[in-house]
Amino acid sequence: MERKNCWEVQMCGREPGGENVAEHGVCPAALPSEYDGINKGRYAGRFCWAVAGTFCGDSVQDAYVKKLKECLACEFLKRVTQEEGRDFILSPQNVKVRR
């Protein structure tokens, strides 16, 4: 199964080299972080709901605790949930941070 990252599905243009980087900056979900590989994504590309500063609903989103309710209705999050099944990780609290 091919697992796509949020910027590939949502086509926000905020990945490095993307068409909206000049206006909105590179999305933090598309950059190396402690969330690399979560839900088998590149960087935080399949864990974007846990990252502040992602671009959803035509605006830059706030911190995890403030945006989670909206994210739970997101079709991309639902897709990742289905694709990962019982290995799905929703919360940063369930992540062993790499240092």
C-alpha atoms as a PDB file:
ATOM      1  CA  MET A   1       0.000   0.000   0.000  1.00  0.00           C
ATOM      2  CA  GLU A   2       1.337   3.438  -0.905  1.00  0.00           C
ATOM      3  CA  ARG A   3       1.206   5.775   2.089  1.00  0.00           C
ATOM      4  CA  LYS A   4       1.037   9.434   1.139  1.00  0.00           C
ATOM      5  CA  ASN A   5       1.978  12.407   3.283  1.00  0.00           C
ATOM      6  CA  CYS A   6      -0.432  15.252   3.990  1.00  0.00           C
ATOM      7  CA  TRP A   7       1.101  17.651   1.450  1.00  0.00           C
ATOM      8  CA  GLU A   8       0.737  15.002  -1.277  1.00  0.00           C
ATOM      9  CA  VAL A   9      -2.955  14.484  -0.512  1.00  0.00           C
ATOM     10  CA  GLN A  10      -4.010  17.987   0.533  1.00  0.00           C
ATOM     11  CA  MET A  11      -1.857  19.639  -2.161  1.00  0.00           C
ATOM     12  CA  CYS A  12      -1.229  22.688   0.041  1.00  0.00           C
ATOM     13  CA  GLY A  13       1.981  23.608  -1.773  1.00  0.00           C
ATOM     14  CA  ARG A  14       3.883  24.138   1.485  1.00  0.00           C
ATOM     15  CA  GLU A  15       6.349  21.267   1.112  1.00  0.00           C
ATOM     16  CA  PRO A  16       9.956  22.315   0.362  1.00  0.00           C
ATOM     17  CA  GLY A  17       9.917  23.769  -3.154  1.00  0.00           C
ATOM     18  CA  GLY A  18       6.096  23.962  -3.142  1.00  0.00           C
ATOM     19  CA  GLU A  19       4.145  26.688  -4.919  1.00  0.00           C
ATOM     20  CA  ASN A  20       2.878  28.343  -1.702  1.00  0.00           C
ATOM     21  CA  VAL A  21       6.157  28.439   0.234  1.00  0.00           C
ATOM     22  CA  ALA A  22       6.905  32.066  -0.679  1.00  0.00           C
ATOM     23  CA  GLU A  23       3.534  33.194   0.698  1.00  0.00           C
ATOM     24  CA  HIS A  24       3.047  30.882   3.700  1.00  0.00           C
ATOM     25  CA  GLY A  25       6.460  29.312   4.377  1.00  0.00           C
ATOM     26  CA  VAL A  26       7.419  25.650   4.486  1.00  0.00           C
ATOM     27  CA  CYS A  27       5.009  23.611   6.572  1.00  0.00           C
ATOM     28  CA  PRO A  28       6.597  22.286   9.756  1.00  0.00           C
ATOM     29  CA  ALA A  29       5.050  18.872   9.022  1.00  0.00           C
ATOM     30  CA  ALA A  30       7.216  18.739   5.880  1.00  0.00           C
ATOM     31  CA  LEU A  31      10.489  19.302   7.745  1.00  0.00           C
ATOM     32  CA  PRO A  32      12.654  16.910   9.758  1.00  0.00           C
ATOM     33  CA  SER A  33      11.461  16.673  13.353  1.00  0.00           C
ATOM     34  CA  GLU A  34      11.122  14.344  16.299  1.00  0.00           C
ATOM     35  CA  TYR A  35       8.035  12.937  14.524  1.00  0.00           C
ATOM     36  CA  ASP A  36       9.893  11.508  11.523  1.00  0.00           C
ATOM     37  CA  GLY A  37       8.315   8.228  10.501  1.00  0.00           C
ATOM     38  CA  ILE A  38       5.234   8.382  12.750  1.00  0.00           C
ATOM     39  CA  ASN A  39       2.380   6.494  11.031  1.00  0.00           C
ATOM     40  CA  LYS A  40       4.983   5.584   8.378  1.00  0.00           C
ATOM     41  CA  GLY A  41       5.144   9.137   7.056  1.00  0.00           C
ATOM     42  CA  ARG A  42       7.988  11.278   5.827  1.00  0.00           C
ATOM     43  CA  TYR A  43       8.841  13.747   8.582  1.00  0.00           C
ATOM     44  CA  ALA A  44       5.454  14.527  10.218  1.00  0.00           C
ATOM     45  CA  GLY A  45       3.574  14.064   6.955  1.00  0.00           C
ATOM     46  CA  ARG A  46       1.242  11.473   8.475  1.00  0.00           C
ATOM     47  CA  PHE A  47       1.126  13.120  11.896  1.00  0.00           C
ATOM     48  CA  CYS A  48       0.356  16.701  10.815  1.00  0.00           C
ATOM     49  CA  TRP A  49      -2.477  17.126  13.334  1.00  0.00           C
ATOM     50  CA  ALA A  50       0.124  17.025  16.119  1.00  0.00           C
ATOM     51  CA  VAL A  51       2.223  19.833  14.621  1.00  0.00           C
ATOM     52  CA  ALA A  52       1.560  23.536  15.181  1.00  0.00           C
ATOM     53  CA  GLY A  53       1.734  25.733  12.099  1.00  0.00           C
ATOM     54  CA  THR A  54       0.220  23.378   9.531  1.00  0.00           C
ATOM     55  CA  PHE A  55      -2.028  24.910   6.885  1.00  0.00           C
ATOM     56  CA  CYS A  56      -5.635  23.712   6.964  1.00  0.00           C
ATOM     57  CA  GLY A  57      -8.902  25.377   6.084  1.00  0.00           C
ATOM     58  CA  ASP A  58      -7.108  28.282   4.374  1.00  0.00           C
ATOM     59  CA  SER A  59      -5.242  29.297   7.528  1.00  0.00           C
ATOM     60  CA  VAL A  60      -2.219  28.368   9.594  1.00  0.00           C
ATOM     61  CA  GLN A  61      -3.277  26.207  12.519  1.00  0.00           C
ATOM     62  CA  ASP A  62      -2.405  26.573  16.181  1.00  0.00           C
ATOM     63  CA  ALA A  63      -1.014  24.013  18.633  1.00  0.00           C
ATOM     64  CA  TYR A  64      -2.176  20.390  18.848  1.00  0.00           C
ATOM     65  CA  VAL A  65      -4.545  20.902  21.773  1.00  0.00           C
ATOM     66  CA  LYS A  66      -6.235  23.838  20.048  1.00  0.00           C
ATOM     67  CA  LYS A  67      -6.637  22.267  16.614  1.00  0.00           C
ATOM     68  CA  LEU A  68      -7.309  18.587  17.382  1.00  0.00           C
ATOM     69  CA  LYS A  69     -11.103  18.887  17.363  1.00  0.00           C
ATOM     70  CA  GLU A  70     -11.018  20.258  13.811  1.00  0.00           C
ATOM     71  CA  CYS A  71      -8.435  17.709  12.762  1.00  0.00           C
ATOM     72  CA  LEU A  72     -10.606  14.808  13.922  1.00  0.00           C
ATOM     73  CA  ALA A  73     -13.045  15.738  11.138  1.00  0.00           C
ATOM     74  CA  CYS A  74     -10.251  15.830   8.520  1.00  0.00           C
ATOM     75  CA  GLU A  75     -10.464  13.271   5.731  1.00  0.00           C
ATOM     76  CA  PHE A  76      -6.685  12.903   5.677  1.00  0.00           C
ATOM     77  CA  LEU A  77      -6.552  11.966   9.378  1.00  0.00           C
ATOM     78  CA  LYS A  78      -9.362   9.474   8.778  1.00  0.00           C
ATOM     79  CA  ARG A  79      -7.391   8.022   5.856  1.00  0.00           C
ATOM     80  CA  VAL A  80      -4.241   7.590   7.976  1.00  0.00           C
ATOM     81  CA  THR A  81      -6.312   6.027  10.768  1.00  0.00           C
ATOM     82  CA  GLN A  82      -7.714   3.459   8.352  1.00  0.00           C
ATOM     83  CA  GLU A  83      -4.386   2.737   6.650  1.00  0.00           C
ATOM     84  CA  GLU A  84      -2.476   2.242   9.917  1.00  0.00           C
ATOM     85  CA  GLY A  85      -5.176   0.274  11.705  1.00  0.00           C
ATOM     86  CA  ARG A  86      -4.165  -0.772  15.205  1.00  0.00           C
ATOM     87  CA  ASP A  87      -0.686   0.781  14.755  1.00  0.00           C
ATOM     88  CA  PHE A  88      -2.175   4.277  14.283  1.00  0.00           C
ATOM     89  CA  ILE A  89      -0.742   7.001  16.547  1.00  0.00           C
ATOM     90  CA  LEU A  90      -3.000   9.987  17.310  1.00  0.00           C
ATOM     91  CA  SER A  91      -1.301  11.720  20.201  1.00  0.00           C
ATOM     92  CA  PRO A  92       2.248  13.016  20.658  1.00  0.00           C
ATOM     93  CA  GLN A  93       1.989  11.595  24.173  1.00  0.00           C
ATOM     94  CA  ASN A  94       2.176   8.128  22.601  1.00  0.00           C
ATOM     95  CA  VAL A  95       5.430   8.880  20.771  1.00  0.00           C
ATOM     96  CA  LYS A  96       8.877   7.952  21.959  1.00  0.00           C
ATOM     97  CA  VAL A  97      10.852  11.044  20.964  1.00  0.00           C
ATOM     98  CA  ARG A  98      14.138  10.404  19.174  1.00  0.00           C
ATOM     99  CA  ARG A  99      17.054  12.544  20.283  1.00  0.00           C
END
